[in-house]
Every structure is written in structure tokens, then in C-alpha cells.
Amino acid sequence: MAPYGSNSFSLQIDKSDGGTLQDMTPYIESFGDININDGVIEKTPFGVTAAAYLAGVIKKYEPITVGGTYDDTATTGPNAVFGGTHAVSRSAVITIGGTKTISGEVLLSNYKRAGKVGEYWQYSVDLQFTGTVTEA
């Protein structure tokens, strides 16, 4: 197994439902954990002294926080793609290591813009996979 760095990552997402995928990689400086929760279920019966669990039946991808330097470029910047109201899901493809892909529909939430004196403005947004997620 070869180690991979930040140069072997990309995120493509469509700006509108059913739109063309846009490469957002040049605007991303941080990418949170890809955390898959298999939903272990406690099934401890009465009369025992140790907890018992079953494997979950629904796999859940936890929200992924993406962030970087704020850019309001009219059609391609993070404000244009991630900002505003998003009532519908968006197609997204995450590529890690040049060949590993995670793709599916995501909902965007918690879009933030923040600034500090003497620093550039930053943005962050949470991506929540919904429905079937394909890993290849």
C-alpha cells in the first residue's frame, strides 16, 4: 500500500440538482473525517450482567466538514456552489489516492463564513451523504 497525500485528493460536486460536476479541489484546504457508522444496536435482554449487541442494519455516513479560504467567484467559487439555500441533494464524487472514489448524493448544511483580524476569510460547509453511497 502506498501512502497518499493531499495532492491525491479531489472533490467534485454539482452546483444544482442534475448539473455538471465542478471540481472544488482548488478551494478546499481542510476535509474532515469520512466516518462510516454501521449503527451497532444494543440488544441486552433482562437477566444478564453483560451488554449484548447486534450489527446494525443501516450504514450511515456521518457529515463531512469541508473548508478553505472564502472565495465569491460568481459561478465556481465556494460561495456560489455551497452558499445559499439547498433544498435538493447534489451529486458528489470524492477521490482519494487518485483511484479510490466515494460517490452519491449529498445534502449541504451548516455553511459558514468567518473572519479574524489580520487573516483571510474562511468558509466551511457540511456534506451529508443521503441514500446509496458507492465506493469503488
Foldseek 3Di string as FASTA:
>chain_A
DDDFDLVQKWKWKAQAAPHDTAIQSVFWDDKFDFDKDQDWAWDADPPDDDTDIDGHDDIFTDWMKTKGFFDPDPCHTCCSRQNDDDPDWMWMWMGTRNHKIKIATWGKDDWDWDDDPPDGIMIMIITTHDDDIDID
